[in-house]
Amino acid sequence: MPDELNLSNLTLSNLTPAQPRQERKRVGRGLGSGKGRYSGRGIKGQKSRAGSHRMRAGFEGGQMPLAMRIPKLRGSTSRDAMPIGPFRTYSQPVNIRDLDRFEAGEEVTPEALKAKGLIRSIRKDVKLLGVGELSKKLTISVHSASASAREKVEAAGGTLTLLKEPKVKKAKKHRATPASTPDDGIDVAEETTVAEAAAEPELEPESED
């Protein structure tokens, strides 16, 4: 617009935009336009395709990406084993020393632990660990507990109840080894010679009389 805006002289013939207009690039309109034939994309290749400038993070042009070239941890707990299978579990740890926030004789449950700010969620299992000492008699109900934690709770006069039955480890099956046969390591000819020698009677030496 003009520097001094005069509404009396403002007509359609002298209207100008506040910012200079940039004309739209019209591609594929003939070789004479400067943007014909390949429309500014060059000849073939990845960058001539649609969506080539919006590649995901870590894309390396089609070659094996770095995340797949480096070694991984074994088992279903590794980061690349997604989605995590049913064999991976997670429990929220709570130590014995953290139970000092409860009064003597109080009942400790996952809901009470969350109210005290010791765990974040009641939808995940809670495991009681034996770090620290316990001097109060408490009634504790958690999903699992370590052996040392159970000993300390019972030593303080409290009780510990598991909300889940502990898993019983399956005994490993040992493959039976074949029984050794009497002819192991003995040649058949040697065995025959030994049997014949045992069958022959011993001859007494002749007297010189």
N, C-alpha and C. Protein backbone atom coordinates (compact mmCIF):
# COMPACT_ATOMS: atom_id res chain seq x y z
N MET A 1 0.84 -1.19 0.00
CA MET A 1 0.00 0.00 0.00
C MET A 1 0.88 1.24 0.00
N PRO A 2 0.34 2.35 -0.45
CA PRO A 2 1.13 3.58 -0.42
C PRO A 2 1.48 3.96 1.00
N ASP A 3 2.55 4.76 1.14
CA ASP A 3 2.99 5.16 2.48
C ASP A 3 1.89 5.91 3.22
N GLU A 4 1.26 6.85 2.55
CA GLU A 4 0.18 7.61 3.17
C GLU A 4 -1.14 7.10 2.62
N LEU A 5 -1.91 6.49 3.47
CA LEU A 5 -3.18 5.92 3.04
C LEU A 5 -4.23 7.03 2.98
N ASN A 6 -4.67 7.31 1.79
CA ASN A 6 -5.70 8.33 1.59
C ASN A 6 -6.94 7.63 1.07
N LEU A 7 -7.95 7.51 1.93
CA LEU A 7 -9.14 6.77 1.54
C LEU A 7 -9.90 7.44 0.41
N SER A 8 -9.73 8.77 0.30
CA SER A 8 -10.46 9.47 -0.77
C SER A 8 -9.93 9.11 -2.14
N ASN A 9 -8.65 8.82 -2.23
CA ASN A 9 -8.04 8.46 -3.52
C ASN A 9 -7.90 6.95 -3.70
N LEU A 10 -8.46 6.13 -2.74
CA LEU A 10 -8.33 4.67 -2.81
C LEU A 10 -9.33 4.12 -3.81
N THR A 11 -8.83 3.56 -4.87
CA THR A 11 -9.67 2.95 -5.90
C THR A 11 -9.14 1.57 -6.23
N LEU A 12 -9.90 0.85 -7.02
CA LEU A 12 -9.46 -0.50 -7.41
C LEU A 12 -8.21 -0.47 -8.26
N SER A 13 -7.93 0.66 -8.90
CA SER A 13 -6.78 0.74 -9.81
C SER A 13 -5.48 0.93 -9.06
N ASN A 14 -5.52 1.46 -7.85
CA ASN A 14 -4.27 1.69 -7.12
C ASN A 14 -4.14 0.81 -5.87
N LEU A 15 -4.92 -0.26 -5.77
CA LEU A 15 -4.77 -1.20 -4.65
C LEU A 15 -3.54 -2.07 -4.88
N THR A 16 -2.71 -2.20 -3.86
CA THR A 16 -1.52 -3.06 -3.91
C THR A 16 -1.46 -3.89 -2.64
N PRO A 17 -0.95 -5.12 -2.68
CA PRO A 17 -0.86 -5.95 -1.47
C PRO A 17 0.19 -5.42 -0.51
N ALA A 18 0.03 -5.75 0.77
CA ALA A 18 0.99 -5.32 1.78
C ALA A 18 2.35 -5.99 1.57
N GLN A 19 2.35 -7.25 1.15
CA GLN A 19 3.57 -7.97 0.85
C GLN A 19 3.58 -8.31 -0.64
N PRO A 20 4.75 -8.26 -1.27
CA PRO A 20 4.79 -8.60 -2.70
C PRO A 20 4.36 -10.03 -2.93
N ARG A 21 3.53 -10.26 -3.88
CA ARG A 21 3.03 -11.60 -4.18
C ARG A 21 4.09 -12.45 -4.84
N GLN A 22 4.08 -13.72 -4.48
CA GLN A 22 4.98 -14.68 -5.11
C GLN A 22 4.14 -15.63 -5.93
N GLU A 23 4.38 -15.61 -7.19
CA GLU A 23 3.54 -16.40 -8.09
C GLU A 23 3.75 -17.88 -7.86
N ARG A 24 2.68 -18.64 -8.01
CA ARG A 24 2.72 -20.08 -7.83
C ARG A 24 3.55 -20.71 -8.94
N LYS A 25 4.35 -21.72 -8.54
CA LYS A 25 5.19 -22.41 -9.50
C LYS A 25 4.32 -23.37 -10.30
N ARG A 26 4.20 -23.14 -11.57
CA ARG A 26 3.41 -23.99 -12.45
C ARG A 26 4.36 -24.93 -13.19
N VAL A 27 4.34 -26.21 -12.75
CA VAL A 27 5.27 -27.18 -13.31
C VAL A 27 4.56 -28.04 -14.33
N GLY A 28 5.36 -28.63 -15.21
CA GLY A 28 4.81 -29.53 -16.22
C GLY A 28 3.99 -28.82 -17.28
N ARG A 29 4.36 -27.60 -17.63
CA ARG A 29 3.61 -26.82 -18.63
C ARG A 29 4.46 -26.52 -19.86
N GLY A 30 5.29 -27.52 -20.24
CA GLY A 30 6.08 -27.35 -21.45
C GLY A 30 7.51 -26.96 -21.16
N LEU A 31 8.40 -27.29 -22.10
CA LEU A 31 9.82 -27.02 -21.90
C LEU A 31 10.12 -25.54 -21.85
N GLY A 32 9.34 -24.73 -22.53
CA GLY A 32 9.61 -23.29 -22.56
C GLY A 32 9.34 -22.63 -21.22
N SER A 33 8.60 -23.24 -20.33
CA SER A 33 8.28 -22.61 -19.06
C SER A 33 9.42 -22.71 -18.06
N GLY A 34 10.39 -23.57 -18.33
CA GLY A 34 11.50 -23.76 -17.39
C GLY A 34 11.25 -24.83 -16.36
N LYS A 35 10.00 -25.26 -16.20
CA LYS A 35 9.66 -26.30 -15.24
C LYS A 35 8.87 -27.40 -15.92
N GLY A 36 9.23 -27.69 -17.16
CA GLY A 36 8.55 -28.75 -17.89
C GLY A 36 9.32 -30.05 -17.80
N ARG A 37 8.88 -31.01 -18.53
CA ARG A 37 9.50 -32.33 -18.62
C ARG A 37 9.58 -33.03 -17.28
N TYR A 38 10.59 -32.72 -16.43
CA TYR A 38 10.73 -33.39 -15.14
C TYR A 38 10.19 -32.54 -14.00
N SER A 39 9.67 -31.39 -14.26
CA SER A 39 9.02 -30.53 -13.26
C SER A 39 9.94 -30.18 -12.09
N GLY A 40 11.23 -30.05 -12.34
CA GLY A 40 12.16 -29.65 -11.30
C GLY A 40 12.58 -30.76 -10.37
N ARG A 41 12.20 -32.01 -10.66
CA ARG A 41 12.53 -33.13 -9.77
C ARG A 41 13.74 -33.94 -10.23
N GLY A 42 14.28 -33.63 -11.37
CA GLY A 42 15.40 -34.41 -11.87
C GLY A 42 14.93 -35.69 -12.55
N ILE A 43 15.87 -36.56 -12.84
CA ILE A 43 15.57 -37.80 -13.57
C ILE A 43 15.50 -38.96 -12.59
N LYS A 44 14.33 -39.48 -12.39
CA LYS A 44 14.10 -40.68 -11.57
C LYS A 44 14.72 -40.57 -10.17
N GLY A 45 14.83 -41.67 -9.49
CA GLY A 45 15.44 -41.69 -8.18
C GLY A 45 14.44 -41.44 -7.07
N GLN A 46 14.93 -41.57 -5.84
CA GLN A 46 14.06 -41.46 -4.67
C GLN A 46 13.45 -40.08 -4.55
N LYS A 47 14.24 -39.02 -4.78
CA LYS A 47 13.76 -37.67 -4.57
C LYS A 47 12.80 -37.19 -5.65
N SER A 48 12.59 -38.00 -6.65
CA SER A 48 11.62 -37.64 -7.67
C SER A 48 10.24 -38.20 -7.35
N ARG A 49 10.15 -39.01 -6.30
CA ARG A 49 8.89 -39.65 -5.95
C ARG A 49 8.11 -38.80 -4.95
N ALA A 50 6.83 -39.09 -4.87
CA ALA A 50 5.98 -38.38 -3.92
C ALA A 50 6.32 -38.81 -2.50
N GLY A 51 6.36 -37.86 -1.57
CA GLY A 51 6.64 -38.16 -0.18
C GLY A 51 8.09 -38.41 0.13
N SER A 52 9.02 -38.11 -0.78
CA SER A 52 10.43 -38.41 -0.55
C SER A 52 11.06 -37.48 0.47
N HIS A 53 10.43 -36.34 0.76
CA HIS A 53 11.01 -35.38 1.72
C HIS A 53 10.38 -35.51 3.09
N ARG A 54 9.59 -36.55 3.30
CA ARG A 54 8.97 -36.78 4.60
C ARG A 54 9.29 -38.19 5.08
N MET A 55 10.58 -38.50 5.14
CA MET A 55 11.00 -39.83 5.56
C MET A 55 11.06 -39.90 7.08
N ARG A 56 10.85 -41.07 7.61
CA ARG A 56 10.85 -41.27 9.05
C ARG A 56 12.27 -41.11 9.60
N ALA A 57 12.36 -40.86 10.88
CA ALA A 57 13.66 -40.70 11.54
C ALA A 57 14.42 -42.03 11.51
N GLY A 58 15.69 -41.97 11.16
CA GLY A 58 16.50 -43.17 11.10
C GLY A 58 16.52 -43.84 9.74
N PHE A 59 15.77 -43.30 8.76
CA PHE A 59 15.77 -43.89 7.42
C PHE A 59 17.09 -43.58 6.74
N GLU A 60 17.74 -44.60 6.18
CA GLU A 60 19.07 -44.45 5.59
C GLU A 60 19.07 -44.78 4.11
N GLY A 61 18.01 -44.40 3.43
CA GLY A 61 18.01 -44.57 1.99
C GLY A 61 17.80 -45.98 1.53
N GLY A 62 17.23 -46.84 2.33
CA GLY A 62 16.96 -48.20 1.91
C GLY A 62 17.98 -49.21 2.37
N GLN A 63 19.15 -48.76 2.83
CA GLN A 63 20.14 -49.71 3.32
C GLN A 63 19.76 -50.16 4.73
N MET A 64 20.49 -51.13 5.25
CA MET A 64 20.21 -51.64 6.57
C MET A 64 20.43 -50.56 7.61
N PRO A 65 19.42 -50.15 8.36
CA PRO A 65 19.59 -49.04 9.31
C PRO A 65 20.46 -49.42 10.49
N LEU A 66 20.94 -48.42 11.18
CA LEU A 66 21.86 -48.63 12.30
C LEU A 66 21.20 -49.44 13.41
N ALA A 67 19.92 -49.21 13.66
CA ALA A 67 19.24 -49.92 14.74
C ALA A 67 19.19 -51.42 14.49
N MET A 68 19.29 -51.85 13.25
CA MET A 68 19.26 -53.28 12.94
C MET A 68 20.66 -53.85 12.75
N ARG A 69 21.68 -52.98 12.65
CA ARG A 69 23.04 -53.47 12.46
C ARG A 69 23.74 -53.75 13.78
N ILE A 70 23.35 -53.07 14.84
CA ILE A 70 24.02 -53.26 16.12
C ILE A 70 23.48 -54.50 16.81
N PRO A 71 24.28 -55.15 17.69
CA PRO A 71 23.80 -56.36 18.37
C PRO A 71 22.71 -56.04 19.38
N LYS A 72 21.90 -57.02 19.67
CA LYS A 72 20.78 -56.87 20.59
C LYS A 72 20.95 -57.81 21.78
N LEU A 73 20.22 -57.53 22.83
CA LEU A 73 20.17 -58.45 23.95
C LEU A 73 19.31 -59.65 23.59
N ARG A 74 19.61 -60.79 24.16
CA ARG A 74 18.87 -61.99 23.83
C ARG A 74 17.57 -62.05 24.60
N GLY A 75 16.63 -62.75 24.06
CA GLY A 75 15.38 -63.00 24.76
C GLY A 75 14.31 -61.97 24.44
N SER A 76 13.13 -62.20 25.01
CA SER A 76 11.99 -61.33 24.73
C SER A 76 12.04 -60.03 25.49
N THR A 77 13.07 -59.83 26.35
CA THR A 77 13.17 -58.60 27.10
C THR A 77 13.99 -57.55 26.39
N SER A 78 14.57 -57.86 25.23
CA SER A 78 15.35 -56.86 24.52
C SER A 78 14.44 -55.80 23.92
N ARG A 79 15.01 -54.63 23.66
CA ARG A 79 14.21 -53.50 23.24
C ARG A 79 13.62 -53.72 21.85
N ASP A 80 14.32 -54.49 20.99
CA ASP A 80 13.83 -54.65 19.62
C ASP A 80 12.81 -55.77 19.52
N ALA A 81 12.58 -56.52 20.60
CA ALA A 81 11.59 -57.60 20.56
C ALA A 81 10.22 -57.03 20.85
N MET A 82 9.74 -56.21 19.96
CA MET A 82 8.45 -55.56 20.16
C MET A 82 7.40 -56.23 19.27
N PRO A 83 6.16 -56.36 19.68
CA PRO A 83 5.72 -56.03 21.03
C PRO A 83 6.18 -57.07 22.03
N ILE A 84 6.31 -56.66 23.26
CA ILE A 84 6.81 -57.57 24.29
C ILE A 84 5.83 -58.72 24.45
N GLY A 85 6.36 -59.92 24.49
CA GLY A 85 5.51 -61.09 24.56
C GLY A 85 4.94 -61.33 25.94
N PRO A 86 4.19 -62.41 26.11
CA PRO A 86 3.53 -62.68 27.39
C PRO A 86 4.49 -63.15 28.47
N PHE A 87 5.76 -63.39 28.13
CA PHE A 87 6.70 -63.93 29.10
C PHE A 87 7.41 -62.83 29.89
N ARG A 88 7.22 -61.58 29.49
CA ARG A 88 7.85 -60.49 30.22
C ARG A 88 6.87 -59.92 31.23
N THR A 89 7.27 -59.87 32.47
CA THR A 89 6.42 -59.34 33.52
C THR A 89 7.15 -58.21 34.22
N TYR A 90 6.40 -57.37 34.91
CA TYR A 90 6.98 -56.26 35.65
C TYR A 90 6.27 -56.12 36.98
N SER A 91 7.02 -55.97 38.03
CA SER A 91 6.44 -55.78 39.35
C SER A 91 7.05 -54.53 39.97
N GLN A 92 6.23 -53.84 40.76
CA GLN A 92 6.68 -52.61 41.41
C GLN A 92 7.35 -52.98 42.73
N PRO A 93 8.63 -52.63 42.91
CA PRO A 93 9.32 -53.01 44.14
C PRO A 93 9.00 -52.07 45.29
N VAL A 94 8.78 -52.64 46.47
CA VAL A 94 8.59 -51.87 47.70
C VAL A 94 9.47 -52.53 48.76
N ASN A 95 10.35 -51.75 49.39
CA ASN A 95 11.27 -52.28 50.38
C ASN A 95 10.64 -52.24 51.78
N ILE A 96 11.20 -53.06 52.66
CA ILE A 96 10.72 -53.13 54.04
C ILE A 96 10.85 -51.77 54.72
N ARG A 97 11.94 -51.06 54.44
CA ARG A 97 12.17 -49.77 55.10
C ARG A 97 11.12 -48.73 54.73
N ASP A 98 10.43 -48.92 53.59
CA ASP A 98 9.41 -47.96 53.17
C ASP A 98 8.12 -48.10 53.97
N LEU A 99 7.97 -49.18 54.72
CA LEU A 99 6.74 -49.42 55.47
C LEU A 99 6.69 -48.67 56.79
N ASP A 100 7.71 -47.86 57.06
CA ASP A 100 7.69 -47.06 58.29
C ASP A 100 6.61 -45.97 58.25
N ARG A 101 6.07 -45.71 57.08
CA ARG A 101 5.01 -44.70 56.96
C ARG A 101 3.68 -45.19 57.54
N PHE A 102 3.57 -46.48 57.76
CA PHE A 102 2.33 -47.05 58.30
C PHE A 102 2.43 -47.15 59.82
N GLU A 103 1.29 -47.06 60.45
CA GLU A 103 1.23 -47.21 61.90
C GLU A 103 1.18 -48.70 62.26
N ALA A 104 1.55 -49.01 63.50
CA ALA A 104 1.56 -50.40 63.96
C ALA A 104 0.14 -50.96 63.94
N GLY A 105 0.00 -52.17 63.42
CA GLY A 105 -1.30 -52.82 63.33
C GLY A 105 -2.09 -52.44 62.10
N GLU A 106 -1.57 -51.57 61.27
CA GLU A 106 -2.30 -51.13 60.08
C GLU A 106 -2.18 -52.18 58.98
N GLU A 107 -3.16 -52.20 58.10
CA GLU A 107 -3.16 -53.16 56.99
C GLU A 107 -2.51 -52.52 55.77
N VAL A 108 -1.57 -53.23 55.18
CA VAL A 108 -0.83 -52.74 54.02
C VAL A 108 -1.33 -53.49 52.79
N THR A 109 -1.94 -52.77 51.86
CA THR A 109 -2.45 -53.32 50.61
C THR A 109 -1.93 -52.46 49.45
N PRO A 110 -2.06 -52.94 48.21
CA PRO A 110 -1.66 -52.09 47.09
C PRO A 110 -2.36 -50.73 47.08
N GLU A 111 -3.63 -50.70 47.47
CA GLU A 111 -4.34 -49.42 47.51
C GLU A 111 -3.74 -48.50 48.57
N ALA A 112 -3.36 -49.06 49.74
CA ALA A 112 -2.76 -48.26 50.79
C ALA A 112 -1.36 -47.79 50.38
N LEU A 113 -0.63 -48.62 49.65
CA LEU A 113 0.69 -48.22 49.18
C LEU A 113 0.61 -47.08 48.19
N LYS A 114 -0.41 -47.12 47.34
CA LYS A 114 -0.60 -46.03 46.37
C LYS A 114 -1.01 -44.74 47.09
N ALA A 115 -1.83 -44.86 48.13
CA ALA A 115 -2.24 -43.67 48.87
C ALA A 115 -1.05 -43.02 49.58
N LYS A 116 -0.07 -43.84 49.98
CA LYS A 116 1.12 -43.31 50.65
C LYS A 116 2.16 -42.82 49.65
N GLY A 117 1.93 -43.06 48.37
CA GLY A 117 2.88 -42.62 47.34
C GLY A 117 4.05 -43.55 47.14
N LEU A 118 3.93 -44.81 47.59
CA LEU A 118 5.02 -45.77 47.43
C LEU A 118 5.00 -46.47 46.08
N ILE A 119 3.83 -46.56 45.45
CA ILE A 119 3.71 -47.12 44.10
C ILE A 119 2.89 -46.16 43.26
N ARG A 120 2.97 -46.36 41.95
CA ARG A 120 2.28 -45.46 41.03
C ARG A 120 0.93 -46.00 40.58
N SER A 121 0.84 -47.30 40.45
CA SER A 121 -0.39 -47.88 39.91
C SER A 121 -0.74 -49.14 40.68
N ILE A 122 -2.03 -49.41 40.81
CA ILE A 122 -2.47 -50.65 41.46
C ILE A 122 -2.77 -51.73 40.43
N ARG A 123 -2.57 -51.41 39.15
CA ARG A 123 -2.82 -52.40 38.10
C ARG A 123 -1.61 -53.29 37.86
N LYS A 124 -0.46 -52.92 38.43
CA LYS A 124 0.75 -53.72 38.30
C LYS A 124 1.04 -54.41 39.61
N ASP A 125 1.68 -55.56 39.52
CA ASP A 125 1.97 -56.35 40.71
C ASP A 125 2.96 -55.62 41.62
N VAL A 126 2.84 -55.90 42.90
CA VAL A 126 3.71 -55.31 43.92
C VAL A 126 4.53 -56.42 44.55
N LYS A 127 5.84 -56.22 44.60
CA LYS A 127 6.74 -57.19 45.22
C LYS A 127 7.44 -56.54 46.41
N LEU A 128 7.40 -57.21 47.55
CA LEU A 128 8.02 -56.71 48.77
C LEU A 128 9.44 -57.25 48.86
N LEU A 129 10.41 -56.35 49.00
CA LEU A 129 11.81 -56.71 49.09
C LEU A 129 12.32 -56.47 50.50
N GLY A 130 13.40 -57.14 50.87
CA GLY A 130 13.88 -57.12 52.24
C GLY A 130 14.96 -56.11 52.54
N VAL A 131 14.99 -54.98 51.86
CA VAL A 131 16.01 -53.95 52.14
C VAL A 131 15.53 -53.11 53.31
N GLY A 132 16.34 -53.02 54.37
CA GLY A 132 15.97 -52.25 55.54
C GLY A 132 15.47 -53.13 56.67
N GLU A 133 14.96 -52.47 57.72
CA GLU A 133 14.46 -53.18 58.89
C GLU A 133 13.02 -52.76 59.16
N LEU A 134 12.27 -53.67 59.81
CA LEU A 134 10.87 -53.43 60.15
C LEU A 134 10.70 -53.66 61.65
N SER A 135 10.15 -52.64 62.33
CA SER A 135 9.96 -52.73 63.78
C SER A 135 8.49 -52.63 64.19
N LYS A 136 7.58 -52.72 63.19
CA LYS A 136 6.15 -52.59 63.47
C LYS A 136 5.42 -53.86 63.05
N LYS A 137 4.36 -54.16 63.77
CA LYS A 137 3.53 -55.31 63.43
C LYS A 137 2.50 -54.87 62.39
N LEU A 138 2.62 -55.42 61.19
CA LEU A 138 1.76 -55.02 60.08
C LEU A 138 1.13 -56.25 59.45
N THR A 139 -0.03 -56.02 58.85
CA THR A 139 -0.70 -57.06 58.07
C THR A 139 -0.55 -56.68 56.60
N ILE A 140 0.29 -57.41 55.90
CA ILE A 140 0.69 -57.04 54.55
C ILE A 140 0.08 -58.00 53.55
N SER A 141 -0.48 -57.42 52.47
CA SER A 141 -1.03 -58.21 51.37
C SER A 141 -0.45 -57.67 50.07
N VAL A 142 0.46 -58.43 49.47
CA VAL A 142 1.09 -58.03 48.21
C VAL A 142 1.08 -59.24 47.28
N HIS A 143 1.50 -59.00 46.04
CA HIS A 143 1.46 -60.07 45.04
C HIS A 143 2.60 -61.08 45.22
N SER A 144 3.78 -60.59 45.61
CA SER A 144 4.91 -61.49 45.82
C SER A 144 5.87 -60.84 46.80
N ALA A 145 6.77 -61.64 47.35
CA ALA A 145 7.73 -61.14 48.33
C ALA A 145 8.96 -62.03 48.31
N SER A 146 10.09 -61.42 48.66
CA SER A 146 11.32 -62.18 48.75
C SER A 146 11.38 -62.94 50.07
N ALA A 147 12.29 -63.90 50.16
CA ALA A 147 12.40 -64.71 51.37
C ALA A 147 12.85 -63.86 52.54
N SER A 148 13.78 -62.93 52.32
CA SER A 148 14.27 -62.09 53.41
C SER A 148 13.17 -61.15 53.91
N ALA A 149 12.31 -60.67 52.99
CA ALA A 149 11.22 -59.79 53.41
C ALA A 149 10.22 -60.54 54.28
N ARG A 150 9.93 -61.78 53.91
CA ARG A 150 8.99 -62.58 54.72
C ARG A 150 9.55 -62.82 56.12
N GLU A 151 10.84 -63.10 56.21
CA GLU A 151 11.44 -63.36 57.52
C GLU A 151 11.36 -62.12 58.41
N LYS A 152 11.60 -60.94 57.84
CA LYS A 152 11.58 -59.71 58.64
C LYS A 152 10.16 -59.35 59.07
N VAL A 153 9.19 -59.61 58.21
CA VAL A 153 7.80 -59.32 58.58
C VAL A 153 7.35 -60.23 59.71
N GLU A 154 7.67 -61.50 59.62
CA GLU A 154 7.28 -62.45 60.66
C GLU A 154 8.06 -62.23 61.95
N ALA A 155 9.32 -61.78 61.83
CA ALA A 155 10.11 -61.50 63.03
C ALA A 155 9.54 -60.31 63.81
N ALA A 156 8.91 -59.36 63.10
CA ALA A 156 8.30 -58.21 63.75
C ALA A 156 6.91 -58.51 64.29
N GLY A 157 6.43 -59.74 64.08
CA GLY A 157 5.11 -60.13 64.58
C GLY A 157 3.99 -59.91 63.60
N GLY A 158 4.29 -59.53 62.37
CA GLY A 158 3.26 -59.29 61.37
C GLY A 158 2.97 -60.52 60.54
N THR A 159 2.05 -60.35 59.61
CA THR A 159 1.67 -61.45 58.71
C THR A 159 1.80 -60.98 57.27
N LEU A 160 2.14 -61.91 56.40
CA LEU A 160 2.32 -61.61 54.98
C LEU A 160 1.46 -62.55 54.16
N THR A 161 0.58 -61.99 53.35
CA THR A 161 -0.31 -62.77 52.50
C THR A 161 -0.02 -62.43 51.05
N LEU A 162 0.12 -63.47 50.23
CA LEU A 162 0.39 -63.27 48.81
C LEU A 162 -0.91 -63.27 48.03
N LEU A 163 -1.08 -62.27 47.18
CA LEU A 163 -2.29 -62.17 46.36
C LEU A 163 -2.22 -63.07 45.13
N LYS A 164 -1.03 -63.57 44.81
CA LYS A 164 -0.85 -64.49 43.70
C LYS A 164 -0.10 -65.71 44.20
N GLU A 165 -0.48 -66.85 43.69
CA GLU A 165 0.21 -68.07 44.06
C GLU A 165 1.59 -68.08 43.42
N PRO A 166 2.62 -68.41 44.18
CA PRO A 166 3.98 -68.44 43.59
C PRO A 166 4.08 -69.53 42.54
N LYS A 167 4.84 -69.23 41.50
CA LYS A 167 5.03 -70.19 40.42
C LYS A 167 5.97 -71.31 40.87
N VAL A 168 5.57 -72.52 40.56
CA VAL A 168 6.39 -73.68 40.90
C VAL A 168 7.31 -73.98 39.72
N LYS A 169 8.59 -74.00 40.00
CA LYS A 169 9.55 -74.27 38.93
C LYS A 169 9.48 -75.74 38.53
N LYS A 170 9.46 -75.98 37.25
CA LYS A 170 9.43 -77.34 36.74
C LYS A 170 10.80 -77.98 36.88
N ALA A 171 10.79 -79.23 37.29
CA ALA A 171 12.04 -79.96 37.42
C ALA A 171 12.59 -80.28 36.04
N LYS A 172 13.90 -80.11 35.91
CA LYS A 172 14.52 -80.40 34.63
C LYS A 172 14.57 -81.90 34.39
N LYS A 173 14.24 -82.27 33.17
CA LYS A 173 14.27 -83.68 32.81
C LYS A 173 15.67 -84.05 32.32
N HIS A 174 16.28 -85.02 32.98
CA HIS A 174 17.60 -85.49 32.58
C HIS A 174 17.45 -86.70 31.67
N ARG A 175 18.11 -86.65 30.56
CA ARG A 175 18.04 -87.77 29.61
C ARG A 175 18.85 -88.94 30.14
N ALA A 176 18.21 -90.09 30.17
CA ALA A 176 18.87 -91.29 30.70
C ALA A 176 20.00 -91.72 29.78
N THR A 177 21.15 -92.03 30.37
CA THR A 177 22.28 -92.49 29.58
C THR A 177 22.17 -94.00 29.37
N PRO A 178 22.52 -94.50 28.21
CA PRO A 178 22.40 -95.95 27.95
C PRO A 178 23.34 -96.74 28.85
N ALA A 179 22.85 -97.89 29.34
CA ALA A 179 23.66 -98.74 30.22
C ALA A 179 24.84 -99.31 29.46
N SER A 180 25.98 -99.38 30.13
CA SER A 180 27.19 -99.88 29.47
C SER A 180 27.09 -101.39 29.29
N THR A 181 27.44 -101.87 28.12
CA THR A 181 27.40 -103.31 27.81
C THR A 181 28.75 -103.93 28.14
N PRO A 182 28.77 -105.23 28.45
CA PRO A 182 30.04 -105.86 28.87
C PRO A 182 31.09 -105.87 27.78
N ASP A 183 30.69 -105.74 26.51
CA ASP A 183 31.68 -105.84 25.44
C ASP A 183 32.19 -104.46 25.01
N ASP A 184 31.93 -103.40 25.84
CA ASP A 184 32.42 -102.08 25.46
C ASP A 184 33.94 -102.05 25.57
N GLY A 185 34.56 -101.64 24.54
CA GLY A 185 36.01 -101.45 24.53
C GLY A 185 36.80 -102.74 24.44
N ILE A 186 36.17 -103.92 24.25
CA ILE A 186 36.88 -105.19 24.15
C ILE A 186 36.63 -105.79 22.78
N ASP A 187 37.68 -106.17 22.13
CA ASP A 187 37.54 -106.77 20.81
C ASP A 187 36.95 -108.17 20.94
N VAL A 188 36.22 -108.62 19.92
CA VAL A 188 35.58 -109.93 19.96
C VAL A 188 36.62 -111.04 20.00
N ALA A 189 37.71 -110.88 19.26
CA ALA A 189 38.76 -111.91 19.23
C ALA A 189 39.43 -112.02 20.59
N GLU A 190 39.67 -110.83 21.25
CA GLU A 190 40.30 -110.86 22.56
C GLU A 190 39.37 -111.51 23.58
N GLU A 191 38.05 -111.22 23.48
CA GLU A 191 37.10 -111.80 24.41
C GLU A 191 37.07 -113.33 24.28
N THR A 192 37.15 -113.85 23.04
CA THR A 192 37.16 -115.30 22.82
C THR A 192 38.41 -115.94 23.42
N THR A 193 39.55 -115.28 23.25
CA THR A 193 40.82 -115.82 23.78
C THR A 193 40.79 -115.88 25.30
N VAL A 194 40.24 -114.84 25.93
CA VAL A 194 40.15 -114.83 27.39
C VAL A 194 39.25 -115.95 27.89
N ALA A 195 38.11 -116.20 27.19
CA ALA A 195 37.19 -117.27 27.60
C ALA A 195 37.84 -118.64 27.46
N GLU A 196 38.58 -118.87 26.36
CA GLU A 196 39.24 -120.16 26.17
C GLU A 196 40.31 -120.41 27.22
N ALA A 197 41.03 -119.34 27.55
CA ALA A 197 42.09 -119.51 28.56
C ALA A 197 41.51 -119.84 29.92
N ALA A 198 40.34 -119.27 30.23
CA ALA A 198 39.72 -119.56 31.52
C ALA A 198 39.17 -120.99 31.57
N ALA A 199 38.80 -121.55 30.40
CA ALA A 199 38.22 -122.90 30.37
C ALA A 199 39.28 -123.99 30.48
N GLU A 200 40.51 -123.75 30.04
CA GLU A 200 41.55 -124.77 30.06
C GLU A 200 42.02 -125.02 31.49
N PRO A 201 42.18 -126.32 31.89
CA PRO A 201 42.66 -126.62 33.27
C PRO A 201 44.13 -126.33 33.37
N GLU A 202 44.57 -125.96 34.57
CA GLU A 202 45.96 -125.68 34.80
C GLU A 202 46.70 -127.00 34.93
N LEU A 203 47.85 -127.11 34.26
CA LEU A 203 48.66 -128.34 34.34
C LEU A 203 49.67 -128.24 35.45
N GLU A 204 49.76 -129.31 36.26
CA GLU A 204 50.72 -129.33 37.35
C GLU A 204 52.10 -129.62 36.79
N PRO A 205 53.12 -129.04 37.36
CA PRO A 205 54.48 -129.31 36.84
C PRO A 205 54.89 -130.79 37.15
N GLU A 206 55.58 -131.44 36.21
CA GLU A 206 56.02 -132.84 36.38
C GLU A 206 57.17 -132.91 37.38
N SER A 207 57.07 -133.94 38.20
CA SER A 207 58.15 -134.12 39.19
C SER A 207 59.37 -134.79 38.54
N GLU A 208 60.56 -134.56 39.05
CA GLU A 208 61.77 -135.11 38.47
C GLU A 208 62.06 -136.55 38.98
N ASP A 209 61.21 -137.08 39.85
CA ASP A 209 61.43 -138.43 40.39
C ASP A 209 61.22 -139.49 39.29
